[in-house]
PDB file of N, CA and C in Angstrom:
ATOM      1  N   MET A   1     131.440 131.868  94.883  1.00  0.00           N
ATOM      2  CA  MET A   1     130.345 131.190  95.571  1.00  0.00           C
ATOM      3  C   MET A   1     130.004 131.950  96.848  1.00  0.00           C
ATOM      4  N   THR A   2     128.715 132.019  97.105  1.00  0.00           N
ATOM      5  CA  THR A   2     128.245 132.657  98.325  1.00  0.00           C
ATOM      6  C   THR A   2     127.704 131.579  99.259  1.00  0.00           C
ATOM      7  N   ARG A   3     127.971 131.718 100.541  1.00  0.00           N
ATOM      8  CA  ARG A   3     127.451 130.793 101.539  1.00  0.00           C
ATOM      9  C   ARG A   3     126.241 131.437 102.201  1.00  0.00           C
ATOM     10  N   TYR A   4     125.117 130.713 102.157  1.00  0.00           N
ATOM     11  CA  TYR A   4     123.862 131.184 102.732  1.00  0.00           C
ATOM     12  C   TYR A   4     123.481 130.298 103.912  1.00  0.00           C
ATOM     13  N   SER A   5     122.896 130.896 104.917  1.00  0.00           N
ATOM     14  CA  SER A   5     122.285 130.151 106.011  1.00  0.00           C
ATOM     15  C   SER A   5     120.811 129.986 105.688  1.00  0.00           C
ATOM     16  N   GLY A   6     120.277 128.824 106.036  1.00  0.00           N
ATOM     17  CA  GLY A   6     118.868 128.570 105.778  1.00  0.00           C
ATOM     18  C   GLY A   6     118.212 127.926 106.976  1.00  0.00           C
ATOM     19  N   ARG A   7     116.898 128.102 107.028  1.00  0.00           N
ATOM     20  CA  ARG A   7     116.122 127.504 108.112  1.00  0.00           C
ATOM     21  C   ARG A   7     114.655 127.466 107.720  1.00  0.00           C
ATOM     22  N   CYS A   8     113.920 126.625 108.416  1.00  0.00           N
ATOM     23  CA  CYS A   8     112.472 126.586 108.228  1.00  0.00           C
ATOM     24  C   CYS A   8     111.859 127.738 109.015  1.00  0.00           C
ATOM     25  N   HIS A   9     110.551 127.820 109.027  1.00  0.00           N
ATOM     26  CA  HIS A   9     109.847 128.908 109.716  1.00  0.00           C
ATOM     27  C   HIS A   9     110.149 128.948 111.216  1.00  0.00           C
ATOM     28  N   CYS A  10     110.093 127.794 111.874  1.00  0.00           N
ATOM     29  CA  CYS A  10     110.279 127.768 113.330  1.00  0.00           C
ATOM     30  C   CYS A  10     111.740 127.680 113.745  1.00  0.00           C
ATOM     31  N   GLY A  11     112.640 127.415 112.795  1.00  0.00           N
ATOM     32  CA  GLY A  11     114.062 127.355 113.091  1.00  0.00           C
ATOM     33  C   GLY A  11     114.577 125.980 113.479  1.00  0.00           C
ATOM     34  N   PHE A  12     113.719 124.967 113.513  1.00  0.00           N
ATOM     35  CA  PHE A  12     114.161 123.614 113.854  1.00  0.00           C
ATOM     36  C   PHE A  12     115.108 123.070 112.780  1.00  0.00           C
ATOM     37  N   VAL A  13     114.746 123.255 111.513  1.00  0.00           N
ATOM     38  CA  VAL A  13     115.587 122.807 110.406  1.00  0.00           C
ATOM     39  C   VAL A  13     116.580 123.918 110.093  1.00  0.00           C
ATOM     40  N   ARG A  14     117.859 123.576 110.188  1.00  0.00           N
ATOM     41  CA  ARG A  14     118.922 124.553 109.904  1.00  0.00           C
ATOM     42  C   ARG A  14     119.927 123.920 108.949  1.00  0.00           C
ATOM     43  N   PHE A  15     120.392 124.746 108.015  1.00  0.00           N
ATOM     44  CA  PHE A  15     121.348 124.254 107.032  1.00  0.00           C
ATOM     45  C   PHE A  15     122.107 125.424 106.439  1.00  0.00           C
ATOM     46  N   GLU A  16     123.144 125.113 105.674  1.00  0.00           N
ATOM     47  CA  GLU A  16     123.888 126.107 104.913  1.00  0.00           C
ATOM     48  C   GLU A  16     124.035 125.571 103.497  1.00  0.00           C
ATOM     49  N   VAL A  17     124.088 126.487 102.556  1.00  0.00           N
ATOM     50  CA  VAL A  17     124.273 126.101 101.168  1.00  0.00           C
ATOM     51  C   VAL A  17     125.264 127.065 100.532  1.00  0.00           C
ATOM     52  N   GLU A  18     126.119 126.521  99.688  1.00  0.00           N
ATOM     53  CA  GLU A  18     127.077 127.334  98.954  1.00  0.00           C
ATOM     54  C   GLU A  18     126.650 127.316  97.492  1.00  0.00           C
ATOM     55  N   ALA A  19     126.363 128.528  96.943  1.00  0.00           N
ATOM     56  CA  ALA A  19     125.833 128.586  95.581  1.00  0.00           C
ATOM     57  C   ALA A  19     125.962 129.980  94.991  1.00  0.00           C
ATOM     58  N   ASP A  20     125.975 130.026  93.689  1.00  0.00           N
ATOM     59  CA  ASP A  20     125.829 131.267  92.931  1.00  0.00           C
ATOM     60  C   ASP A  20     124.422 131.237  92.359  1.00  0.00           C
ATOM     61  N   ILE A  21     123.489 131.840  93.048  1.00  0.00           N
ATOM     62  CA  ILE A  21     122.069 131.740  92.690  1.00  0.00           C
ATOM     63  C   ILE A  21     121.757 132.752  91.599  1.00  0.00           C
ATOM     64  N   ASP A  22     121.413 132.235  90.414  1.00  0.00           N
ATOM     65  CA  ASP A  22     121.123 133.102  89.275  1.00  0.00           C
ATOM     66  C   ASP A  22     119.697 132.940  88.757  1.00  0.00           C
ATOM     67  N   HIS A  23     118.929 132.027  89.369  1.00  0.00           N
ATOM     68  CA  HIS A  23     117.538 131.817  88.964  1.00  0.00           C
ATOM     69  C   HIS A  23     116.820 131.007  90.047  1.00  0.00           C
ATOM     70  N   ALA A  24     115.530 130.929  89.923  1.00  0.00           N
ATOM     71  CA  ALA A  24     114.698 130.064  90.762  1.00  0.00           C
ATOM     72  C   ALA A  24     113.892 129.177  89.828  1.00  0.00           C
ATOM     73  N   ARG A  25     113.626 127.969  90.267  1.00  0.00           N
ATOM     74  CA  ARG A  25     112.810 127.026  89.491  1.00  0.00           C
ATOM     75  C   ARG A  25     111.426 126.956  90.131  1.00  0.00           C
ATOM     76  N   ILE A  26     110.409 127.156  89.302  1.00  0.00           N
ATOM     77  CA  ILE A  26     109.026 126.998  89.746  1.00  0.00           C
ATOM     78  C   ILE A  26     108.412 125.889  88.912  1.00  0.00           C
ATOM     79  N   CYS A  27     108.018 124.831  89.594  1.00  0.00           N
ATOM     80  CA  CYS A  27     107.431 123.666  88.927  1.00  0.00           C
ATOM     81  C   CYS A  27     105.907 123.743  89.050  1.00  0.00           C
ATOM     82  N   ASN A  28     105.210 123.316  87.993  1.00  0.00           N
ATOM     83  CA  ASN A  28     103.749 123.379  88.025  1.00  0.00           C
ATOM     84  C   ASN A  28     103.092 122.033  88.320  1.00  0.00           C
ATOM     85  N   CYS A  29     103.861 121.049  88.822  1.00  0.00           N
ATOM     86  CA  CYS A  29     103.217 119.787  89.210  1.00  0.00           C
ATOM     87  C   CYS A  29     102.297 120.073  90.394  1.00  0.00           C
ATOM     88  N   SER A  30     101.438 119.134  90.726  1.00  0.00           N
ATOM     89  CA  SER A  30     100.422 119.391  91.741  1.00  0.00           C
ATOM     90  C   SER A  30     101.005 119.760  93.097  1.00  0.00           C
ATOM     91  N   ILE A  31     102.054 119.105  93.538  1.00  0.00           N
ATOM     92  CA  ILE A  31     102.579 119.406  94.871  1.00  0.00           C
ATOM     93  C   ILE A  31     103.398 120.694  94.885  1.00  0.00           C
ATOM     94  N   CYS A  32     104.249 120.901  93.884  1.00  0.00           N
ATOM     95  CA  CYS A  32     105.054 122.134  93.851  1.00  0.00           C
ATOM     96  C   CYS A  32     104.165 123.366  93.700  1.00  0.00           C
ATOM     97  N   HIS A  33     103.155 123.262  92.867  1.00  0.00           N
ATOM     98  CA  HIS A  33     102.246 124.393  92.667  1.00  0.00           C
ATOM     99  C   HIS A  33     101.571 124.780  93.985  1.00  0.00           C
ATOM    100  N   LYS A  34     101.102 123.786  94.732  1.00  0.00           N
ATOM    101  CA  LYS A  34     100.390 124.070  95.971  1.00  0.00           C
ATOM    102  C   LYS A  34     101.312 124.577  97.080  1.00  0.00           C
ATOM    103  N   ARG A  35     102.560 124.102  97.123  1.00  0.00           N
ATOM    104  CA  ARG A  35     103.451 124.541  98.202  1.00  0.00           C
ATOM    105  C   ARG A  35     104.159 125.848  97.895  1.00  0.00           C
ATOM    106  N   GLY A  36     104.313 126.209  96.622  1.00  0.00           N
ATOM    107  CA  GLY A  36     104.856 127.507  96.250  1.00  0.00           C
ATOM    108  C   GLY A  36     106.344 127.699  96.482  1.00  0.00           C
ATOM    109  N   ALA A  37     107.099 126.614  96.526  1.00  0.00           N
ATOM    110  CA  ALA A  37     108.540 126.728  96.751  1.00  0.00           C
ATOM    111  C   ALA A  37     109.235 127.315  95.520  1.00  0.00           C
ATOM    112  N   LEU A  38     110.301 128.047  95.772  1.00  0.00           N
ATOM    113  CA  LEU A  38     111.200 128.529  94.717  1.00  0.00           C
ATOM    114  C   LEU A  38     112.489 127.747  94.888  1.00  0.00           C
ATOM    115  N   ASN A  39     112.744 126.805  94.004  1.00  0.00           N
ATOM    116  CA  ASN A  39     113.879 125.905  94.170  1.00  0.00           C
ATOM    117  C   ASN A  39     115.086 126.319  93.346  1.00  0.00           C
ATOM    118  N   PHE A  40     116.255 125.969  93.856  1.00  0.00           N
ATOM    119  CA  PHE A  40     117.506 126.129  93.139  1.00  0.00           C
ATOM    120  C   PHE A  40     118.323 124.870  93.392  1.00  0.00           C
ATOM    121  N   ARG A  41     118.815 124.274  92.318  1.00  0.00           N
ATOM    122  CA  ARG A  41     119.555 123.021  92.439  1.00  0.00           C
ATOM    123  C   ARG A  41     121.032 123.269  92.730  1.00  0.00           C
ATOM    124  N   VAL A  42     121.553 122.477  93.653  1.00  0.00           N
ATOM    125  CA  VAL A  42     122.968 122.544  94.013  1.00  0.00           C
ATOM    126  C   VAL A  42     123.536 121.128  94.051  1.00  0.00           C
ATOM    127  N   PRO A  43     124.841 120.991  93.831  1.00  0.00           N
ATOM    128  CA  PRO A  43     125.469 119.673  93.957  1.00  0.00           C
ATOM    129  C   PRO A  43     125.315 119.124  95.371  1.00  0.00           C
ATOM    130  N   HIS A  44     125.409 117.827  95.482  1.00  0.00           N
ATOM    131  CA  HIS A  44     125.219 117.140  96.762  1.00  0.00           C
ATOM    132  C   HIS A  44     126.071 117.733  97.873  1.00  0.00           C
ATOM    133  N   ASP A  45     127.339 118.034  97.589  1.00  0.00           N
ATOM    134  CA  ASP A  45     128.253 118.517  98.628  1.00  0.00           C
ATOM    135  C   ASP A  45     128.136 120.016  98.910  1.00  0.00           C
ATOM    136  N   ALA A  46     127.238 120.728  98.227  1.00  0.00           N
ATOM    137  CA  ALA A  46     127.050 122.168  98.470  1.00  0.00           C
ATOM    138  C   ALA A  46     126.098 122.438  99.630  1.00  0.00           C
ATOM    139  N   LEU A  47     125.409 121.409 100.101  1.00  0.00           N
ATOM    140  CA  LEU A  47     124.456 121.554 101.201  1.00  0.00           C
ATOM    141  C   LEU A  47     125.052 120.961 102.469  1.00  0.00           C
ATOM    142  N   THR A  48     125.089 121.753 103.524  1.00  0.00           N
ATOM    143  CA  THR A  48     125.549 121.290 104.828  1.00  0.00           C
ATOM    144  C   THR A  48     124.357 121.295 105.772  1.00  0.00           C
ATOM    145  N   LEU A  49     124.018 120.132 106.287  1.00  0.00           N
ATOM    146  CA  LEU A  49     122.875 120.010 107.190  1.00  0.00           C
ATOM    147  C   LEU A  49     123.319 120.197 108.631  1.00  0.00           C
ATOM    148  N   HIS A  50     122.576 121.009 109.371  1.00  0.00           N
ATOM    149  CA  HIS A  50     122.806 121.159 110.800  1.00  0.00           C
ATOM    150  C   HIS A  50     121.717 120.438 111.590  1.00  0.00           C
ATOM    151  N   THR A  51     120.686 120.010 110.903  1.00  0.00           N
ATOM    152  CA  THR A  51     119.632 119.177 111.479  1.00  0.00           C
ATOM    153  C   THR A  51     119.662 117.858 110.708  1.00  0.00           C
ATOM    154  N   PRO A  52     119.860 116.733 111.373  1.00  0.00           N
ATOM    155  CA  PRO A  52     119.942 115.454 110.665  1.00  0.00           C
ATOM    156  C   PRO A  52     118.652 115.117 109.911  1.00  0.00           C
ATOM    157  N   LEU A  53     118.811 114.489 108.741  1.00  0.00           N
ATOM    158  CA  LEU A  53     117.636 114.072 107.962  1.00  0.00           C
ATOM    159  C   LEU A  53     116.718 113.169 108.778  1.00  0.00           C
ATOM    160  N   SER A  54     117.276 112.386 109.670  1.00  0.00           N
ATOM    161  CA  SER A  54     116.472 111.467 110.484  1.00  0.00           C
ATOM    162  C   SER A  54     115.496 112.197 111.405  1.00  0.00           C
ATOM    163  N   GLU A  55     115.710 113.496 111.630  1.00  0.00           N
ATOM    164  CA  GLU A  55     114.805 114.271 112.485  1.00  0.00           C
ATOM    165  C   GLU A  55     113.734 115.014 111.685  1.00  0.00           C
ATOM    166  N   LEU A  56     113.748 114.855 110.356  1.00  0.00           N
ATOM    167  CA  LEU A  56     112.779 115.525 109.487  1.00  0.00           C
ATOM    168  C   LEU A  56     111.708 114.548 109.037  1.00  0.00           C
ATOM    169  N   THR A  57     110.622 115.078 108.520  1.00  0.00           N
ATOM    170  CA  THR A  57     109.556 114.255 107.966  1.00  0.00           C
ATOM    171  C   THR A  57     109.808 114.084 106.481  1.00  0.00           C
ATOM    172  N   LEU A  58     109.777 112.846 106.014  1.00  0.00           N
ATOM    173  CA  LEU A  58     110.031 112.521 104.603  1.00  0.00           C
ATOM    174  C   LEU A  58     108.717 112.248 103.891  1.00  0.00           C
ATOM    175  N   TYR A  59     108.557 112.861 102.718  1.00  0.00           N
ATOM    176  CA  TYR A  59     107.384 112.596 101.878  1.00  0.00           C
ATOM    177  C   TYR A  59     107.864 112.168 100.509  1.00  0.00           C
ATOM    178  N   GLU A  60     107.294 111.060 100.003  1.00  0.00           N
ATOM    179  CA  GLU A  60     107.601 110.561  98.666  1.00  0.00           C
ATOM    180  C   GLU A  60     106.285 110.332  97.930  1.00  0.00           C
ATOM    181  N   TRP A  61     106.272 110.617  96.643  1.00  0.00           N
ATOM    182  CA  TRP A  61     105.057 110.428  95.861  1.00  0.00           C
ATOM    183  C   TRP A  61     105.447 110.186  94.407  1.00  0.00           C
ATOM    184  N   GLY A  62     104.470 109.999  93.548  1.00  0.00           N
ATOM    185  CA  GLY A  62     104.730 109.809  92.115  1.00  0.00           C
ATOM    186  C   GLY A  62     105.612 108.601  91.870  1.00  0.00           C
ATOM    187  N   SER A  63     106.829 108.833  91.413  1.00  0.00           N
ATOM    188  CA  SER A  63     107.765 107.744  91.119  1.00  0.00           C
ATOM    189  C   SER A  63     108.454 107.227  92.376  1.00  0.00           C
ATOM    190  N   PHE A  64     108.238 107.865  93.498  1.00  0.00           N
ATOM    191  CA  PHE A  64     108.855 107.526  94.781  1.00  0.00           C
ATOM    192  C   PHE A  64     110.380 107.611  94.723  1.00  0.00           C
ATOM    193  N   THR A  65     110.913 108.434  93.807  1.00  0.00           N
ATOM    194  CA  THR A  65     112.358 108.649  93.750  1.00  0.00           C
ATOM    195  C   THR A  65     112.734 110.019  94.299  1.00  0.00           C
ATOM    196  N   ALA A  66     111.807 110.961  94.311  1.00  0.00           N
ATOM    197  CA  ALA A  66     112.057 112.269  94.926  1.00  0.00           C
ATOM    198  C   ALA A  66     111.895 112.123  96.437  1.00  0.00           C
ATOM    199  N   LYS A  67     112.666 112.887  97.168  1.00  0.00           N
ATOM    200  CA  LYS A  67     112.602 112.867  98.630  1.00  0.00           C
ATOM    201  C   LYS A  67     112.369 114.295  99.109  1.00  0.00           C
ATOM    202  N   ASP A  68     111.199 114.561  99.640  1.00  0.00           N
ATOM    203  CA  ASP A  68     110.853 115.885 100.149  1.00  0.00           C
ATOM    204  C   ASP A  68     110.981 115.865 101.670  1.00  0.00           C
ATOM    205  N   TYR A  69     111.853 116.734 102.199  1.00  0.00           N
ATOM    206  CA  TYR A  69     112.120 116.781 103.633  1.00  0.00           C
ATOM    207  C   TYR A  69     111.451 118.003 104.254  1.00  0.00           C
ATOM    208  N   PHE A  70     110.574 117.747 105.220  1.00  0.00           N
ATOM    209  CA  PHE A  70     109.785 118.785 105.871  1.00  0.00           C
ATOM    210  C   PHE A  70     110.140 118.890 107.344  1.00  0.00           C
ATOM    211  N   CYS A  71     109.981 120.079 107.889  1.00  0.00           N
ATOM    212  CA  CYS A  71     110.104 120.258 109.328  1.00  0.00           C
ATOM    213  C   CYS A  71     108.917 119.565 109.990  1.00  0.00           C
ATOM    214  N   PRO A  72     109.159 118.709 110.981  1.00  0.00           N
ATOM    215  CA  PRO A  72     108.044 118.036 111.651  1.00  0.00           C
ATOM    216  C   PRO A  72     107.233 118.961 112.553  1.00  0.00           C
ATOM    217  N   HIS A  73     107.702 120.180 112.762  1.00  0.00           N
ATOM    218  CA  HIS A  73     107.006 121.113 113.650  1.00  0.00           C
ATOM    219  C   HIS A  73     106.190 122.156 112.878  1.00  0.00           C
ATOM    220  N   CYS A  74     106.832 122.854 111.932  1.00  0.00           N
ATOM    221  CA  CYS A  74     106.112 123.921 111.208  1.00  0.00           C
ATOM    222  C   CYS A  74     105.688 123.500 109.799  1.00  0.00           C
ATOM    223  N   GLY A  75     106.181 122.364 109.305  1.00  0.00           N
ATOM    224  CA  GLY A  75     105.735 121.836 108.020  1.00  0.00           C
ATOM    225  C   GLY A  75     106.412 122.414 106.791  1.00  0.00           C
ATOM    226  N   ILE A  76     107.411 123.273 106.952  1.00  0.00           N
ATOM    227  CA  ILE A  76     108.072 123.916 105.813  1.00  0.00           C
ATOM    228  C   ILE A  76     109.030 122.947 105.123  1.00  0.00           C
ATOM    229  N   LEU A  77     109.005 122.951 103.800  1.00  0.00           N
ATOM    230  CA  LEU A  77     109.948 122.186 102.979  1.00  0.00           C
ATOM    231  C   LEU A  77     111.159 123.080 102.737  1.00  0.00           C
ATOM    232  N   ALA A  78     112.289 122.743 103.332  1.00  0.00           N
ATOM    233  CA  ALA A  78     113.493 123.554 103.173  1.00  0.00           C
ATOM    234  C   ALA A  78     114.343 123.091 101.999  1.00  0.00           C
ATOM    235  N   PHE A  79     114.329 121.795 101.723  1.00  0.00           N
ATOM    236  CA  PHE A  79     115.111 121.238 100.621  1.00  0.00           C
ATOM    237  C   PHE A  79     114.557 119.872 100.260  1.00  0.00           C
ATOM    238  N   ARG A  80     114.975 119.390  99.097  1.00  0.00           N
ATOM    239  CA  ARG A  80     114.494 118.099  98.620  1.00  0.00           C
ATOM    240  C   ARG A  80     115.532 117.459  97.723  1.00  0.00           C
ATOM    241  N   ARG A  81     115.411 116.156  97.530  1.00  0.00           N
ATOM    242  CA  ARG A  81     116.193 115.433  96.522  1.00  0.00           C
ATOM    243  C   ARG A  81     115.268 115.264  95.324  1.00  0.00           C
ATOM    244  N   PRO A  82     115.601 115.847  94.174  1.00  0.00           N
ATOM    245  CA  PRO A  82     114.733 115.748  93.000  1.00  0.00           C
ATOM    246  C   PRO A  82     114.567 114.296  92.529  1.00  0.00           C
ATOM    247  N   ALA A  83     113.499 114.061  91.812  1.00  0.00           N
ATOM    248  CA  ALA A  83     113.177 112.734  91.294  1.00  0.00           C
ATOM    249  C   ALA A  83     114.184 112.283  90.239  1.00  0.00           C
ATOM    250  N   ALA A  84     114.316 110.979  90.128  1.00  0.00           N
ATOM    251  CA  ALA A  84     115.108 110.393  89.045  1.00  0.00           C
ATOM    252  C   ALA A  84     114.391 110.667  87.726  1.00  0.00           C
ATOM    253  N   LEU A  85     115.156 110.696  86.655  1.00  0.00           N
ATOM    254  CA  LEU A  85     114.551 110.926  85.337  1.00  0.00           C
ATOM    255  C   LEU A  85     113.656 109.768  84.939  1.00  0.00           C
ATOM    256  N   THR A  86     112.597 110.090  84.219  1.00  0.00           N
ATOM    257  CA  THR A  86     111.740 109.050  83.660  1.00  0.00           C
ATOM    258  C   THR A  86     112.395 108.514  82.392  1.00  0.00           C
ATOM    259  N   LEU A  87     111.886 107.413  81.873  1.00  0.00           N
ATOM    260  CA  LEU A  87     112.417 106.869  80.620  1.00  0.00           C
ATOM    261  C   LEU A  87     112.268 107.879  79.491  1.00  0.00           C
ATOM    262  N   GLY A  88     111.157 108.613  79.468  1.00  0.00           N
ATOM    263  CA  GLY A  88     110.931 109.636  78.441  1.00  0.00           C
ATOM    264  C   GLY A  88     111.933 110.768  78.521  1.00  0.00           C
ATOM    265  N   GLU A  89     112.242 111.199  79.737  1.00  0.00           N
ATOM    266  CA  GLU A  89     113.227 112.264  79.907  1.00  0.00           C
ATOM    267  C   GLU A  89     114.619 111.803  79.476  1.00  0.00           C
ATOM    268  N   ARG A  90     114.951 110.559  79.788  1.00  0.00           N
ATOM    269  CA  ARG A  90     116.247 110.009  79.347  1.00  0.00           C
ATOM    270  C   ARG A  90     116.310 109.944  77.827  1.00  0.00           C
ATOM    271  N   ALA A  91     115.193 109.539  77.213  1.00  0.00           N
ATOM    272  CA  ALA A  91     115.133 109.438  75.750  1.00  0.00           C
ATOM    273  C   ALA A  91     115.308 110.807  75.096  1.00  0.00           C
ATOM    274  N   GLN A  92     114.909 111.867  75.791  1.00  0.00           N
ATOM    275  CA  GLN A  92     115.078 113.230  75.282  1.00  0.00           C
ATOM    276  C   GLN A  92     116.496 113.750  75.491  1.00  0.00           C
ATOM    277  N   GLY A  93     117.349 112.957  76.153  1.00  0.00           N
ATOM    278  CA  GLY A  93     118.731 113.348  76.362  1.00  0.00           C
ATOM    279  C   GLY A  93     118.996 114.135  77.627  1.00  0.00           C
ATOM    280  N   GLN A  94     118.019 114.185  78.533  1.00  0.00           N
ATOM    281  CA  GLN A  94     118.243 114.907  79.787  1.00  0.00           C
ATOM    282  C   GLN A  94     119.259 114.158  80.644  1.00  0.00           C
ATOM    283  N   THR A  95     119.998 114.895  81.443  1.00  0.00           N
ATOM    284  CA  THR A  95     121.043 114.337  82.283  1.00  0.00           C
ATOM    285  C   THR A  95     120.545 114.169  83.711  1.00  0.00           C
ATOM    286  N   GLU A  96     120.856 113.022  84.301  1.00  0.00           N
ATOM    287  CA  GLU A  96     120.471 112.741  85.690  1.00  0.00           C
ATOM    288  C   GLU A  96     121.130 113.760  86.620  1.00  0.00           C
ATOM    289  N   PHE A  97     120.394 114.185  87.645  1.00  0.00           N
ATOM    290  CA  PHE A  97     120.902 115.145  88.616  1.00  0.00           C
ATOM    291  C   PHE A  97     121.011 114.468  89.970  1.00  0.00           C
ATOM    292  N   ASP A  98     122.192 114.521  90.574  1.00  0.00           N
ATOM    293  CA  ASP A  98     122.396 113.920  91.885  1.00  0.00           C
ATOM    294  C   ASP A  98     122.794 115.011  92.870  1.00  0.00           C
ATOM    295  N   GLY A  99     121.817 115.751  93.317  1.00  0.00           N
ATOM    296  CA  GLY A  99     122.084 116.844  94.248  1.00  0.00           C
ATOM    297  C   GLY A  99     120.823 117.184  95.010  1.00  0.00           C
ATOM    298  N   TRP A 100     120.736 118.442  95.409  1.00  0.00           N
ATOM    299  CA  TRP A 100     119.623 118.934  96.207  1.00  0.00           C
ATOM    300  C   TRP A 100     118.924 120.082  95.499  1.00  0.00           C
ATOM    301  N   ALA A 101     117.652 120.236  95.759  1.00  0.00           N
ATOM    302  CA  ALA A 101     116.904 121.426  95.375  1.00  0.00           C
ATOM    303  C   ALA A 101     116.590 122.155  96.671  1.00  0.00           C
ATOM    304  N   VAL A 102     117.131 123.343  96.822  1.00  0.00           N
ATOM    305  CA  VAL A 102     116.966 124.135  98.037  1.00  0.00           C
ATOM    306  C   VAL A 102     115.845 125.146  97.816  1.00  0.00           C
ATOM    307  N   ASN A 103     114.965 125.266  98.785  1.00  0.00           N
ATOM    308  CA  ASN A 103     113.881 126.242  98.720  1.00  0.00           C
ATOM    309  C   ASN A 103     114.464 127.621  99.039  1.00  0.00           C
ATOM    310  N   LEU A 104     114.565 128.481  98.031  1.00  0.00           N
ATOM    311  CA  LEU A 104     115.170 129.795  98.214  1.00  0.00           C
ATOM    312  C   LEU A 104     114.425 130.638  99.234  1.00  0.00           C
ATOM    313  N   ARG A 105     113.162 130.360  99.448  1.00  0.00           N
ATOM    314  CA  ARG A 105     112.382 131.117 100.433  1.00  0.00           C
ATOM    315  C   ARG A 105     112.867 130.843 101.866  1.00  0.00           C
ATOM    316  N   CYS A 106     113.683 129.810 102.053  1.00  0.00           N
ATOM    317  CA  CYS A 106     114.201 129.467 103.383  1.00  0.00           C
ATOM    318  C   CYS A 106     115.598 130.031 103.636  1.00  0.00           C
ATOM    319  N   LEU A 107     116.182 130.714 102.656  1.00  0.00           N
ATOM    320  CA  LEU A 107     117.531 131.259 102.831  1.00  0.00           C
ATOM    321  C   LEU A 107     117.475 132.675 103.380  1.00  0.00           C
ATOM    322  N   ASP A 108     118.347 132.958 104.320  1.00  0.00           N
ATOM    323  CA  ASP A 108     118.452 134.306 104.884  1.00  0.00           C
ATOM    324  C   ASP A 108     119.145 135.215 103.874  1.00  0.00           C
ATOM    325  N   GLY A 109     118.639 136.440 103.714  1.00  0.00           N
ATOM    326  CA  GLY A 109     119.287 137.440 102.882  1.00  0.00           C
ATOM    327  C   GLY A 109     119.039 137.322 101.391  1.00  0.00           C
ATOM    328  N   ILE A 110     118.053 136.558 100.975  1.00  0.00           N
ATOM    329  CA  ILE A 110     117.720 136.410  99.554  1.00  0.00           C
ATOM    330  C   ILE A 110     116.479 137.237  99.243  1.00  0.00           C
ATOM    331  N   ASP A 111     116.561 138.057  98.212  1.00  0.00           N
ATOM    332  CA  ASP A 111     115.401 138.824  97.747  1.00  0.00           C
ATOM    333  C   ASP A 111     114.777 138.047  96.590  1.00  0.00           C
ATOM    334  N   THR A 112     113.811 137.202  96.894  1.00  0.00           N
ATOM    335  CA  THR A 112     113.224 136.328  95.873  1.00  0.00           C
ATOM    336  C   THR A 112     112.431 137.093  94.815  1.00  0.00           C
ATOM    337  N   ASP A 113     112.068 138.343  95.073  1.00  0.00           N
ATOM    338  CA  ASP A 113     111.323 139.131  94.084  1.00  0.00           C
ATOM    339  C   ASP A 113     112.176 139.530  92.884  1.00  0.00           C
ATOM    340  N   ASN A 114     113.494 139.498  93.032  1.00  0.00           N
ATOM    341  CA  ASN A 114     114.382 139.954  91.960  1.00  0.00           C
ATOM    342  C   ASN A 114     115.214 138.841  91.339  1.00  0.00           C
ATOM    343  N   ILE A 115     114.790 137.594  91.497  1.00  0.00           N
ATOM    344  CA  ILE A 115     115.500 136.457  90.913  1.00  0.00           C
ATOM    345  C   ILE A 115     114.744 135.991  89.676  1.00  0.00           C
ATOM    346  N   PRO A 116     115.438 135.851  88.529  1.00  0.00           N
ATOM    347  CA  PRO A 116     114.777 135.322  87.339  1.00  0.00           C
ATOM    348  C   PRO A 116     114.213 133.919  87.600  1.00  0.00           C
ATOM    349  N   VAL A 117     113.100 133.612  86.963  1.00  0.00           N
ATOM    350  CA  VAL A 117     112.391 132.355  87.192  1.00  0.00           C
ATOM    351  C   VAL A 117     112.439 131.470  85.949  1.00  0.00           C
ATOM    352  N   ARG A 118     112.702 130.179  86.166  1.00  0.00           N
ATOM    353  CA  ARG A 118     112.582 129.161  85.122  1.00  0.00           C
ATOM    354  C   ARG A 118     111.357 128.320  85.458  1.00  0.00           C
ATOM    355  N   HIS A 119     110.444 128.219  84.516  1.00  0.00           N
ATOM    356  CA  HIS A 119     109.232 127.431  84.730  1.00  0.00           C
ATOM    357  C   HIS A 119     109.479 125.993  84.291  1.00  0.00           C
ATOM    358  N   ILE A 120     109.174 125.058  85.171  1.00  0.00           N
ATOM    359  CA  ILE A 120     109.372 123.633  84.931  1.00  0.00           C
ATOM    360  C   ILE A 120     108.001 122.995  84.723  1.00  0.00           C
ATOM    361  N   PRO A 121     107.772 122.339  83.570  1.00  0.00           N
ATOM    362  CA  PRO A 121     106.451 121.757  83.281  1.00  0.00           C
ATOM    363  C   PRO A 121     106.248 120.395  83.947  1.00  0.00           C
ATOM    364  N   GLY A 122     106.299 120.371  85.271  1.00  0.00           N
ATOM    365  CA  GLY A 122     106.195 119.116  86.013  1.00  0.00           C
ATOM    366  C   GLY A 122     104.892 118.372  85.818  1.00  0.00           C
ATOM    367  N   ARG A 123     103.793 119.089  85.589  1.00  0.00           N
ATOM    368  CA  ARG A 123     102.511 118.392  85.425  1.00  0.00           C
ATOM    369  C   ARG A 123     102.455 117.597  84.127  1.00  0.00           C
ATOM    370  N   ASP A 124     103.392 117.863  83.220  1.00  0.00           N
ATOM    371  CA  ASP A 124     103.420 117.162  81.935  1.00  0.00           C
ATOM    372  C   ASP A 124     104.305 115.903  81.952  1.00  0.00           C
ATOM    373  N   ILE A 125     104.980 115.650  83.064  1.00  0.00           N
ATOM    374  CA  ILE A 125     105.850 114.478  83.157  1.00  0.00           C
ATOM    375  C   ILE A 125     105.012 113.223  83.313  1.00  0.00           C
ATOM    376  N   ALA A 126     105.239 112.273  82.428  1.00  0.00           N
ATOM    377  CA  ALA A 126     104.532 110.987  82.492  1.00  0.00           C
ATOM    378  C   ALA A 126     105.428 109.995  83.225  1.00  0.00           C
ATOM    379  N   PHE A 127     104.953 109.502  84.382  1.00  0.00           N
ATOM    380  CA  PHE A 127     105.745 108.555  85.154  1.00  0.00           C
ATOM    381  C   PHE A 127     105.800 107.219  84.444  1.00  0.00           C
ATOM    382  N   ASP A 128     106.915 106.517  84.603  1.00  0.00           N
ATOM    383  CA  ASP A 128     107.080 105.183  84.018  1.00  0.00           C
ATOM    384  C   ASP A 128     106.106 104.222  84.684  1.00  0.00           C
ATOM    385  N   ALA A 129     105.587 103.312  83.896  1.00  0.00           N
ATOM    386  CA  ALA A 129     104.640 102.332  84.438  1.00  0.00           C
ATOM    387  C   ALA A 129     105.353 101.147  85.030  1.00  0.00           C
TER     388      ALA A 129
END
């Protein structure tokens, strides 16, 4: 495992993550597409926050189960809690994830141009009614 330091653009949000990064996730849902984050999922205890969540701006949308944490100063999304699975995803046998999605673009020393990409069809997810 490698330990990475991370921060937002202005440096207000600071964190560390321990991970073996072998890919990046690019989601095509409306918000992920527009923000352009390259995410990598890590277990809950792999992320160490140096800036308390209470000092960040929280955005929730869609199913209101995902938690997107933004710097209140520069607006960068450094990490997020992914959404809970929909009933359709559960029916397909997908496993619930209880961790963090870290924006690889916020990690120091990562060459994002050379990381394999997994495309996530987020725009095709039908939220439960």
